[in-house]
């Protein structure tokens, strides 16, 4: 079996050429959304269930570019299909004060 190195902004992952079957760390490209030139990948530690998002974006006229690895947490099994095992919520932004003078 052949292993291919995958380089993510200076970080190297060894990826098996047969659909990532034997690598502890698996990297999957994900949609960058509307950010022009941004590259993103989800990195999974298949042994311990840790997740990271790797992002690289070029510098523009108005913003600096850079590379980031952001830890997303650790996966753990549920007891049944469809079970919510972790939930995080944010409050909606406060509505603007309509009584303030313009």
PDB file of N, CA and C in Angstrom:
ATOM      1  N   UNK A   1       0.844  -1.179   0.000  1.00  0.00           N
ATOM      2  CA  UNK A   1       0.000   0.000   0.000  1.00  0.00           C
ATOM      3  C   UNK A   1       0.883   1.233   0.000  1.00  0.00           C
ATOM      4  N   UNK A   2       0.458   2.222  -0.731  1.00  0.00           N
ATOM      5  CA  UNK A   2       1.209   3.461  -0.850  1.00  0.00           C
ATOM      6  C   UNK A   2       0.598   4.520   0.052  1.00  0.00           C
ATOM      7  N   UNK A   3       1.428   5.249   0.789  1.00  0.00           N
ATOM      8  CA  UNK A   3       0.962   6.341   1.632  1.00  0.00           C
ATOM      9  C   UNK A   3       1.426   7.649   1.015  1.00  0.00           C
ATOM     10  N   UNK A   4       0.530   8.587   0.954  1.00  0.00           N
ATOM     11  CA  UNK A   4       0.826   9.884   0.355  1.00  0.00           C
ATOM     12  C   UNK A   4       0.874  10.940   1.443  1.00  0.00           C
ATOM     13  N   UNK A   5       1.900  11.782   1.459  1.00  0.00           N
ATOM     14  CA  UNK A   5       1.908  12.870   2.444  1.00  0.00           C
ATOM     15  C   UNK A   5       0.943  13.967   2.013  1.00  0.00           C
ATOM     16  N   UNK A   6       0.204  14.483   2.951  1.00  0.00           N
ATOM     17  CA  UNK A   6      -0.682  15.613   2.701  1.00  0.00           C
ATOM     18  C   UNK A   6      -0.170  16.766   3.549  1.00  0.00           C
ATOM     19  N   UNK A   7       0.110  17.887   2.930  1.00  0.00           N
ATOM     20  CA  UNK A   7       0.655  19.025   3.643  1.00  0.00           C
ATOM     21  C   UNK A   7      -0.427  20.071   3.835  1.00  0.00           C
ATOM     22  N   UNK A   8      -0.676  20.437   5.079  1.00  0.00           N
ATOM     23  CA  UNK A   8      -1.647  21.468   5.407  1.00  0.00           C
ATOM     24  C   UNK A   8      -0.898  22.599   6.100  1.00  0.00           C
ATOM     25  N   UNK A   9      -0.449  23.538   5.323  1.00  0.00           N
ATOM     26  CA  UNK A   9       0.205  24.715   5.881  1.00  0.00           C
ATOM     27  C   UNK A   9       1.357  24.395   6.815  1.00  0.00           C
ATOM     28  N   UNK A  10       2.230  23.493   6.416  1.00  0.00           N
ATOM     29  CA  UNK A  10       3.366  23.165   7.244  1.00  0.00           C
ATOM     30  C   UNK A  10       3.151  21.939   8.109  1.00  0.00           C
ATOM     31  N   UNK A  11       1.935  21.432   8.186  1.00  0.00           N
ATOM     32  CA  UNK A  11       1.642  20.221   8.931  1.00  0.00           C
ATOM     33  C   UNK A  11       1.497  19.085   7.937  1.00  0.00           C
ATOM     34  N   UNK A  12       2.162  17.980   8.182  1.00  0.00           N
ATOM     35  CA  UNK A  12       2.100  16.852   7.254  1.00  0.00           C
ATOM     36  C   UNK A  12       1.281  15.733   7.873  1.00  0.00           C
ATOM     37  N   UNK A  13       0.376  15.193   7.104  1.00  0.00           N
ATOM     38  CA  UNK A  13      -0.403  14.025   7.513  1.00  0.00           C
ATOM     39  C   UNK A  13      -0.094  12.919   6.522  1.00  0.00           C
ATOM     40  N   UNK A  14       0.071  11.708   6.995  1.00  0.00           N
ATOM     41  CA  UNK A  14       0.301  10.594   6.101  1.00  0.00           C
ATOM     42  C   UNK A  14      -1.053   9.972   5.775  1.00  0.00           C
ATOM     43  N   UNK A  15      -1.414   9.993   4.516  1.00  0.00           N
ATOM     44  CA  UNK A  15      -2.732   9.539   4.093  1.00  0.00           C
ATOM     45  C   UNK A  15      -2.579   8.311   3.216  1.00  0.00           C
ATOM     46  N   UNK A  16      -3.276   7.237   3.574  1.00  0.00           N
ATOM     47  CA  UNK A  16      -3.227   6.020   2.772  1.00  0.00           C
ATOM     48  C   UNK A  16      -3.978   6.268   1.476  1.00  0.00           C
ATOM     49  N   UNK A  17      -3.450   5.718   0.385  1.00  0.00           N
ATOM     50  CA  UNK A  17      -4.070   5.954  -0.906  1.00  0.00           C
ATOM     51  C   UNK A  17      -5.369   5.173  -1.086  1.00  0.00           C
ATOM     52  N   UNK A  18      -5.701   4.260  -0.188  1.00  0.00           N
ATOM     53  CA  UNK A  18      -6.950   3.511  -0.311  1.00  0.00           C
ATOM     54  C   UNK A  18      -8.023   4.118   0.591  1.00  0.00           C
ATOM     55  N   UNK A  19      -8.454   5.322   0.263  1.00  0.00           N
ATOM     56  CA  UNK A  19      -9.562   6.021   0.936  1.00  0.00           C
ATOM     57  C   UNK A  19      -9.290   6.287   2.412  1.00  0.00           C
ATOM     58  N   UNK A  20      -8.040   6.573   2.768  1.00  0.00           N
ATOM     59  CA  UNK A  20      -7.672   6.978   4.122  1.00  0.00           C
ATOM     60  C   UNK A  20      -7.923   5.903   5.173  1.00  0.00           C
ATOM     61  N   UNK A  21      -7.976   4.647   4.784  1.00  0.00           N
ATOM     62  CA  UNK A  21      -8.384   3.574   5.686  1.00  0.00           C
ATOM     63  C   UNK A  21      -7.404   3.316   6.825  1.00  0.00           C
ATOM     64  N   UNK A  22      -6.113   3.574   6.645  1.00  0.00           N
ATOM     65  CA  UNK A  22      -5.152   3.179   7.662  1.00  0.00           C
ATOM     66  C   UNK A  22      -4.526   4.346   8.415  1.00  0.00           C
ATOM     67  N   UNK A  23      -4.897   5.547   8.153  1.00  0.00           N
ATOM     68  CA  UNK A  23      -4.276   6.703   8.779  1.00  0.00           C
ATOM     69  C   UNK A  23      -5.018   7.091  10.050  1.00  0.00           C
ATOM     70  N   UNK A  24      -4.268   7.390  11.106  1.00  0.00           N
ATOM     71  CA  UNK A  24      -4.901   7.847  12.340  1.00  0.00           C
ATOM     72  C   UNK A  24      -5.593   9.194  12.124  1.00  0.00           C
ATOM     73  N   UNK A  25      -4.932  10.086  11.412  1.00  0.00           N
ATOM     74  CA  UNK A  25      -5.489  11.411  11.150  1.00  0.00           C
ATOM     75  C   UNK A  25      -6.018  11.455   9.732  1.00  0.00           C
ATOM     76  N   UNK A  26      -7.276  11.789   9.604  1.00  0.00           N
ATOM     77  CA  UNK A  26      -7.899  11.889   8.294  1.00  0.00           C
ATOM     78  C   UNK A  26      -8.279  13.336   8.051  1.00  0.00           C
ATOM     79  N   UNK A  27      -7.952  13.828   6.862  1.00  0.00           N
ATOM     80  CA  UNK A  27      -8.281  15.200   6.482  1.00  0.00           C
ATOM     81  C   UNK A  27      -9.267  15.152   5.326  1.00  0.00           C
ATOM     82  N   UNK A  28     -10.354  15.895   5.472  1.00  0.00           N
ATOM     83  CA  UNK A  28     -11.392  15.941   4.449  1.00  0.00           C
ATOM     84  C   UNK A  28     -11.617  17.396   4.075  1.00  0.00           C
ATOM     85  N   UNK A  29     -11.479  17.754   2.779  1.00  0.00           N
ATOM     86  CA  UNK A  29     -11.739  19.142   2.391  1.00  0.00           C
ATOM     87  C   UNK A  29     -13.202  19.497   2.660  1.00  0.00           C
ATOM     88  N   UNK A  30     -13.430  20.712   3.117  1.00  0.00           N
ATOM     89  CA  UNK A  30     -14.801  21.177   3.341  1.00  0.00           C
ATOM     90  C   UNK A  30     -15.020  22.491   2.603  1.00  0.00           C
ATOM     91  N   UNK A  31     -16.266  22.795   2.336  1.00  0.00           N
ATOM     92  CA  UNK A  31     -16.632  24.008   1.605  1.00  0.00           C
ATOM     93  C   UNK A  31     -16.236  25.233   2.415  1.00  0.00           C
ATOM     94  N   UNK A  32     -15.561  26.154   1.767  1.00  0.00           N
ATOM     95  CA  UNK A  32     -15.102  27.362   2.439  1.00  0.00           C
ATOM     96  C   UNK A  32     -16.195  28.418   2.553  1.00  0.00           C
ATOM     97  N   UNK A  33     -17.338  28.184   1.940  1.00  0.00           N
ATOM     98  CA  UNK A  33     -18.397  29.190   1.967  1.00  0.00           C
ATOM     99  C   UNK A  33     -18.124  30.262   0.936  1.00  0.00           C
ATOM    100  N   UNK A  34     -18.387  31.494   1.270  1.00  0.00           N
ATOM    101  CA  UNK A  34     -18.262  32.576   0.307  1.00  0.00           C
ATOM    102  C   UNK A  34     -16.895  33.262   0.338  1.00  0.00           C
ATOM    103  N   UNK A  35     -15.995  32.831   1.213  1.00  0.00           N
ATOM    104  CA  UNK A  35     -14.684  33.476   1.309  1.00  0.00           C
ATOM    105  C   UNK A  35     -13.832  33.119   0.108  1.00  0.00           C
ATOM    106  N   UNK A  36     -13.461  34.100  -0.687  1.00  0.00           N
ATOM    107  CA  UNK A  36     -12.658  33.873  -1.890  1.00  0.00           C
ATOM    108  C   UNK A  36     -11.259  33.414  -1.514  1.00  0.00           C
ATOM    109  N   UNK A  37     -10.807  32.310  -2.093  1.00  0.00           N
ATOM    110  CA  UNK A  37      -9.457  31.834  -1.888  1.00  0.00           C
ATOM    111  C   UNK A  37      -9.224  31.076  -0.598  1.00  0.00           C
ATOM    112  N   UNK A  38     -10.199  30.998   0.268  1.00  0.00           N
ATOM    113  CA  UNK A  38     -10.022  30.307   1.535  1.00  0.00           C
ATOM    114  C   UNK A  38     -10.075  28.806   1.315  1.00  0.00           C
ATOM    115  N   UNK A  39      -9.165  28.107   1.954  1.00  0.00           N
ATOM    116  CA  UNK A  39      -9.157  26.652   1.913  1.00  0.00           C
ATOM    117  C   UNK A  39      -9.451  26.145   3.315  1.00  0.00           C
ATOM    118  N   UNK A  40     -10.270  25.068   3.407  1.00  0.00           N
ATOM    119  CA  UNK A  40     -10.608  24.504   4.708  1.00  0.00           C
ATOM    120  C   UNK A  40     -10.590  22.992   4.636  1.00  0.00           C
ATOM    121  N   UNK A  41     -10.250  22.386   5.763  1.00  0.00           N
ATOM    122  CA  UNK A  41     -10.297  20.931   5.878  1.00  0.00           C
ATOM    123  C   UNK A  41     -10.701  20.568   7.296  1.00  0.00           C
ATOM    124  N   UNK A  42     -11.439  19.483   7.407  1.00  0.00           N
ATOM    125  CA  UNK A  42     -11.778  18.896   8.698  1.00  0.00           C
ATOM    126  C   UNK A  42     -10.738  17.819   8.958  1.00  0.00           C
ATOM    127  N   UNK A  43     -10.111  17.854  10.134  1.00  0.00           N
ATOM    128  CA  UNK A  43      -9.120  16.853  10.500  1.00  0.00           C
ATOM    129  C   UNK A  43      -9.683  16.047  11.661  1.00  0.00           C
ATOM    130  N   UNK A  44      -9.677  14.723  11.509  1.00  0.00           N
ATOM    131  CA  UNK A  44     -10.230  13.814  12.512  1.00  0.00           C
ATOM    132  C   UNK A  44      -9.144  12.894  13.024  1.00  0.00           C
ATOM    133  N   UNK A  45      -9.017  12.796  14.335  1.00  0.00           N
ATOM    134  CA  UNK A  45      -8.159  11.808  14.978  1.00  0.00           C
ATOM    135  C   UNK A  45      -9.020  10.559  15.154  1.00  0.00           C
ATOM    136  N   UNK A  46      -8.781   9.538  14.326  1.00  0.00           N
ATOM    137  CA  UNK A  46      -9.646   8.359  14.327  1.00  0.00           C
ATOM    138  C   UNK A  46      -9.451   7.471  15.552  1.00  0.00           C
ATOM    139  N   UNK A  47      -8.412   7.686  16.329  1.00  0.00           N
ATOM    140  CA  UNK A  47      -8.202   6.871  17.529  1.00  0.00           C
ATOM    141  C   UNK A  47      -8.886   7.466  18.758  1.00  0.00           C
ATOM    142  N   UNK A  48      -8.834   8.793  18.909  1.00  0.00           N
ATOM    143  CA  UNK A  48      -9.367   9.413  20.116  1.00  0.00           C
ATOM    144  C   UNK A  48     -10.555  10.330  19.864  1.00  0.00           C
ATOM    145  N   UNK A  49     -10.929  10.527  18.593  1.00  0.00           N
ATOM    146  CA  UNK A  49     -12.130  11.282  18.282  1.00  0.00           C
ATOM    147  C   UNK A  49     -12.015  12.785  18.328  1.00  0.00           C
ATOM    148  N   UNK A  50     -10.811  13.326  18.341  1.00  0.00           N
ATOM    149  CA  UNK A  50     -10.644  14.782  18.340  1.00  0.00           C
ATOM    150  C   UNK A  50     -10.885  15.323  16.937  1.00  0.00           C
ATOM    151  N   UNK A  51     -11.423  16.548  16.866  1.00  0.00           N
ATOM    152  CA  UNK A  51     -11.701  17.212  15.580  1.00  0.00           C
ATOM    153  C   UNK A  51     -11.056  18.595  15.568  1.00  0.00           C
ATOM    154  N   UNK A  52     -10.524  18.946  14.399  1.00  0.00           N
ATOM    155  CA  UNK A  52      -9.988  20.285  14.174  1.00  0.00           C
ATOM    156  C   UNK A  52     -10.478  20.779  12.816  1.00  0.00           C
ATOM    157  N   UNK A  53     -10.547  22.090  12.659  1.00  0.00           N
ATOM    158  CA  UNK A  53     -10.757  22.712  11.353  1.00  0.00           C
ATOM    159  C   UNK A  53      -9.463  23.444  11.018  1.00  0.00           C
ATOM    160  N   UNK A  54      -8.896  23.119   9.861  1.00  0.00           N
ATOM    161  CA  UNK A  54      -7.720  23.817   9.347  1.00  0.00           C
ATOM    162  C   UNK A  54      -8.210  24.797   8.297  1.00  0.00           C
ATOM    163  N   UNK A  55      -7.766  26.055   8.399  1.00  0.00           N
ATOM    164  CA  UNK A  55      -8.172  27.099   7.467  1.00  0.00           C
ATOM    165  C   UNK A  55      -6.940  27.865   7.011  1.00  0.00           C
ATOM    166  N   UNK A  56      -6.879  28.133   5.731  1.00  0.00           N
ATOM    167  CA  UNK A  56      -5.828  28.991   5.185  1.00  0.00           C
ATOM    168  C   UNK A  56      -6.489  29.982   4.247  1.00  0.00           C
ATOM    169  N   UNK A  57      -6.150  31.247   4.401  1.00  0.00           N
ATOM    170  CA  UNK A  57      -6.730  32.256   3.518  1.00  0.00           C
ATOM    171  C   UNK A  57      -5.652  33.240   3.094  1.00  0.00           C
ATOM    172  N   UNK A  58      -5.708  33.677   1.836  1.00  0.00           N
ATOM    173  CA  UNK A  58      -4.710  34.632   1.344  1.00  0.00           C
ATOM    174  C   UNK A  58      -4.990  36.039   1.870  1.00  0.00           C
ATOM    175  N   UNK A  59      -3.964  36.847   1.888  1.00  0.00           N
ATOM    176  CA  UNK A  59      -4.147  38.251   2.265  1.00  0.00           C
ATOM    177  C   UNK A  59      -4.886  38.978   1.141  1.00  0.00           C
ATOM    178  N   UNK A  60      -5.698  39.946   1.521  1.00  0.00           N
ATOM    179  CA  UNK A  60      -6.400  40.780   0.546  1.00  0.00           C
ATOM    180  C   UNK A  60      -6.012  42.233   0.787  1.00  0.00           C
ATOM    181  N   UNK A  61      -6.615  43.142   0.037  1.00  0.00           N
ATOM    182  CA  UNK A  61      -6.337  44.566   0.238  1.00  0.00           C
ATOM    183  C   UNK A  61      -6.784  45.052   1.614  1.00  0.00           C
ATOM    184  N   UNK A  62      -7.787  44.388   2.201  1.00  0.00           N
ATOM    185  CA  UNK A  62      -8.352  44.870   3.464  1.00  0.00           C
ATOM    186  C   UNK A  62      -8.102  43.959   4.657  1.00  0.00           C
ATOM    187  N   UNK A  63      -7.680  42.700   4.422  1.00  0.00           N
ATOM    188  CA  UNK A  63      -7.492  41.779   5.547  1.00  0.00           C
ATOM    189  C   UNK A  63      -6.215  40.972   5.379  1.00  0.00           C
ATOM    190  N   UNK A  64      -5.593  40.649   6.513  1.00  0.00           N
ATOM    191  CA  UNK A  64      -4.397  39.813   6.502  1.00  0.00           C
ATOM    192  C   UNK A  64      -4.789  38.359   6.243  1.00  0.00           C
ATOM    193  N   UNK A  65      -3.912  37.633   5.618  1.00  0.00           N
ATOM    194  CA  UNK A  65      -4.133  36.200   5.415  1.00  0.00           C
ATOM    195  C   UNK A  65      -3.515  35.427   6.562  1.00  0.00           C
ATOM    196  N   UNK A  66      -3.686  34.123   6.529  1.00  0.00           N
ATOM    197  CA  UNK A  66      -3.068  33.310   7.569  1.00  0.00           C
ATOM    198  C   UNK A  66      -3.567  31.880   7.552  1.00  0.00           C
ATOM    199  N   UNK A  67      -2.979  31.079   8.417  1.00  0.00           N
ATOM    200  CA  UNK A  67      -3.375  29.692   8.598  1.00  0.00           C
ATOM    201  C   UNK A  67      -3.782  29.505  10.049  1.00  0.00           C
ATOM    202  N   UNK A  68      -4.805  28.707  10.255  1.00  0.00           N
ATOM    203  CA  UNK A  68      -5.326  28.480  11.600  1.00  0.00           C
ATOM    204  C   UNK A  68      -5.737  27.028  11.744  1.00  0.00           C
ATOM    205  N   UNK A  69      -5.488  26.454  12.887  1.00  0.00           N
ATOM    206  CA  UNK A  69      -6.061  25.167  13.243  1.00  0.00           C
ATOM    207  C   UNK A  69      -6.886  25.427  14.495  1.00  0.00           C
ATOM    208  N   UNK A  70      -8.175  25.166  14.395  1.00  0.00           N
ATOM    209  CA  UNK A  70      -9.102  25.467  15.482  1.00  0.00           C
ATOM    210  C   UNK A  70      -9.670  24.153  16.008  1.00  0.00           C
ATOM    211  N   UNK A  71      -9.444  23.898  17.284  1.00  0.00           N
ATOM    212  CA  UNK A  71      -9.938  22.679  17.913  1.00  0.00           C
ATOM    213  C   UNK A  71     -11.458  22.739  18.032  1.00  0.00           C
ATOM    214  N   UNK A  72     -12.132  21.667  17.619  1.00  0.00           N
ATOM    215  CA  UNK A  72     -13.594  21.627  17.614  1.00  0.00           C
ATOM    216  C   UNK A  72     -14.173  20.756  18.719  1.00  0.00           C
ATOM    217  N   UNK A  73     -13.342  20.005  19.413  1.00  0.00           N
ATOM    218  CA  UNK A  73     -13.834  19.160  20.493  1.00  0.00           C
ATOM    219  C   UNK A  73     -13.560  17.692  20.222  1.00  0.00           C
ATOM    220  N   UNK A  74     -14.106  16.860  21.092  1.00  0.00           N
ATOM    221  CA  UNK A  74     -13.896  15.429  20.989  1.00  0.00           C
ATOM    222  C   UNK A  74     -15.237  14.737  20.805  1.00  0.00           C
ATOM    223  N   UNK A  75     -15.272  13.836  19.845  1.00  0.00           N
ATOM    224  CA  UNK A  75     -16.475  13.060  19.583  1.00  0.00           C
ATOM    225  C   UNK A  75     -16.611  11.941  20.609  1.00  0.00           C
ATOM    226  N   UNK A  76     -17.825  11.569  20.892  1.00  0.00           N
ATOM    227  CA  UNK A  76     -18.064  10.409  21.742  1.00  0.00           C
ATOM    228  C   UNK A  76     -19.380   9.779  21.308  1.00  0.00           C
ATOM    229  N   UNK A  77     -19.521   8.481  21.514  1.00  0.00           N
ATOM    230  CA  UNK A  77     -20.700   7.793  20.994  1.00  0.00           C
ATOM    231  C   UNK A  77     -21.971   8.128  21.776  1.00  0.00           C
ATOM    232  N   UNK A  78     -23.067   8.018  21.091  1.00  0.00           N
ATOM    233  CA  UNK A  78     -24.372   8.148  21.728  1.00  0.00           C
ATOM    234  C   UNK A  78     -24.915   6.766  22.043  1.00  0.00           C
ATOM    235  N   UNK A  79     -26.160   6.727  22.501  1.00  0.00           N
ATOM    236  CA  UNK A  79     -26.780   5.451  22.834  1.00  0.00           C
ATOM    237  C   UNK A  79     -27.734   4.982  21.750  1.00  0.00           C
ATOM    238  N   UNK A  80     -28.205   5.922  20.906  1.00  0.00           N
ATOM    239  CA  UNK A  80     -29.120   5.544  19.835  1.00  0.00           C
ATOM    240  C   UNK A  80     -29.025   6.547  18.700  1.00  0.00           C
ATOM    241  N   UNK A  81     -29.449   6.143  17.517  1.00  0.00           N
ATOM    242  CA  UNK A  81     -29.420   7.011  16.342  1.00  0.00           C
ATOM    243  C   UNK A  81     -30.291   8.240  16.595  1.00  0.00           C
ATOM    244  N   UNK A  82     -29.778   9.376  16.220  1.00  0.00           N
ATOM    245  CA  UNK A  82     -30.533  10.622  16.356  1.00  0.00           C
ATOM    246  C   UNK A  82     -30.368  11.315  17.697  1.00  0.00           C
ATOM    247  N   UNK A  83     -29.680  10.701  18.636  1.00  0.00           N
ATOM    248  CA  UNK A  83     -29.474  11.308  19.943  1.00  0.00           C
ATOM    249  C   UNK A  83     -28.570  12.531  19.817  1.00  0.00           C
ATOM    250  N   UNK A  84     -28.917  13.627  20.452  1.00  0.00           N
ATOM    251  CA  UNK A  84     -28.055  14.809  20.516  1.00  0.00           C
ATOM    252  C   UNK A  84     -27.092  14.573  21.672  1.00  0.00           C
ATOM    253  N   UNK A  85     -25.788  14.443  21.356  1.00  0.00           N
ATOM    254  CA  UNK A  85     -24.803  14.142  22.392  1.00  0.00           C
ATOM    255  C   UNK A  85     -24.128  15.407  22.937  1.00  0.00           C
ATOM    256  N   UNK A  86     -24.238  16.505  22.233  1.00  0.00           N
ATOM    257  CA  UNK A  86     -23.676  17.775  22.691  1.00  0.00           C
ATOM    258  C   UNK A  86     -24.438  18.900  22.016  1.00  0.00           C
ATOM    259  N   UNK A  87     -24.809  19.904  22.779  1.00  0.00           N
ATOM    260  CA  UNK A  87     -25.547  21.026  22.208  1.00  0.00           C
ATOM    261  C   UNK A  87     -24.975  22.318  22.770  1.00  0.00           C
ATOM    262  N   UNK A  88     -24.713  23.256  21.882  1.00  0.00           N
ATOM    263  CA  UNK A  88     -24.270  24.588  22.285  1.00  0.00           C
ATOM    264  C   UNK A  88     -25.216  25.578  21.644  1.00  0.00           C
ATOM    265  N   UNK A  89     -25.678  26.543  22.419  1.00  0.00           N
ATOM    266  CA  UNK A  89     -26.609  27.542  21.890  1.00  0.00           C
ATOM    267  C   UNK A  89     -26.084  28.937  22.166  1.00  0.00           C
ATOM    268  N   UNK A  90     -26.433  29.844  21.284  1.00  0.00           N
ATOM    269  CA  UNK A  90     -26.100  31.250  21.441  1.00  0.00           C
ATOM    270  C   UNK A  90     -27.400  32.031  21.394  1.00  0.00           C
ATOM    271  N   UNK A  91     -27.489  33.058  22.200  1.00  0.00           N
ATOM    272  CA  UNK A  91     -28.666  33.927  22.188  1.00  0.00           C
ATOM    273  C   UNK A  91     -28.672  34.754  20.913  1.00  0.00           C
ATOM    274  N   UNK A  92     -29.856  35.070  20.388  1.00  0.00           N
ATOM    275  CA  UNK A  92     -29.895  35.943  19.208  1.00  0.00           C
ATOM    276  C   UNK A  92     -29.405  37.339  19.580  1.00  0.00           C
ATOM    277  N   UNK A  93     -28.907  38.084  18.594  1.00  0.00           N
ATOM    278  CA  UNK A  93     -28.452  39.447  18.902  1.00  0.00           C
ATOM    279  C   UNK A  93     -29.619  40.307  19.362  1.00  0.00           C
ATOM    280  N   UNK A  94     -29.323  41.256  20.219  1.00  0.00           N
ATOM    281  CA  UNK A  94     -30.365  42.158  20.729  1.00  0.00           C
ATOM    282  C   UNK A  94     -30.942  42.997  19.582  1.00  0.00           C
ATOM    283  N   UNK A  95     -32.230  43.193  19.620  1.00  0.00           N
ATOM    284  CA  UNK A  95     -32.896  44.021  18.601  1.00  0.00           C
ATOM    285  C   UNK A  95     -32.485  45.475  18.808  1.00  0.00           C
ATOM    286  N   UNK A  96     -32.341  46.243  17.724  1.00  0.00           N
ATOM    287  CA  UNK A  96     -32.002  47.658  17.875  1.00  0.00           C
ATOM    288  C   UNK A  96     -33.101  48.405  18.634  1.00  0.00           C
ATOM    289  N   UNK A  97     -32.684  49.406  19.393  1.00  0.00           N
ATOM    290  CA  UNK A  97     -33.635  50.205  20.165  1.00  0.00           C
ATOM    291  C   UNK A  97     -34.397  51.119  19.219  1.00  0.00           C
ATOM    292  N   UNK A  98     -35.704  50.868  19.058  1.00  0.00           N
ATOM    293  CA  UNK A  98     -36.506  51.654  18.121  1.00  0.00           C
ATOM    294  C   UNK A  98     -36.992  52.965  18.734  1.00  0.00           C
ATOM    295  N   UNK A  99     -36.774  53.172  20.036  1.00  0.00           N
ATOM    296  CA  UNK A  99     -37.219  54.407  20.667  1.00  0.00           C
ATOM    297  C   UNK A  99     -36.139  55.492  20.661  1.00  0.00           C
ATOM    298  N   UNK A 100     -34.924  55.131  20.325  1.00  0.00           N
ATOM    299  CA  UNK A 100     -33.834  56.125  20.306  1.00  0.00           C
ATOM    300  C   UNK A 100     -34.003  57.039  19.102  1.00  0.00           C
ATOM    301  N   UNK A 101     -33.717  58.336  19.267  1.00  0.00           N
ATOM    302  CA  UNK A 101     -33.822  59.272  18.143  1.00  0.00           C
ATOM    303  C   UNK A 101     -32.756  58.949  17.083  1.00  0.00           C
ATOM    304  N   UNK A 102     -33.077  59.195  15.811  1.00  0.00           N
ATOM    305  CA  UNK A 102     -32.108  58.905  14.733  1.00  0.00           C
ATOM    306  C   UNK A 102     -30.903  59.795  14.734  1.00  0.00           C
TER     307      UNK A 102
END
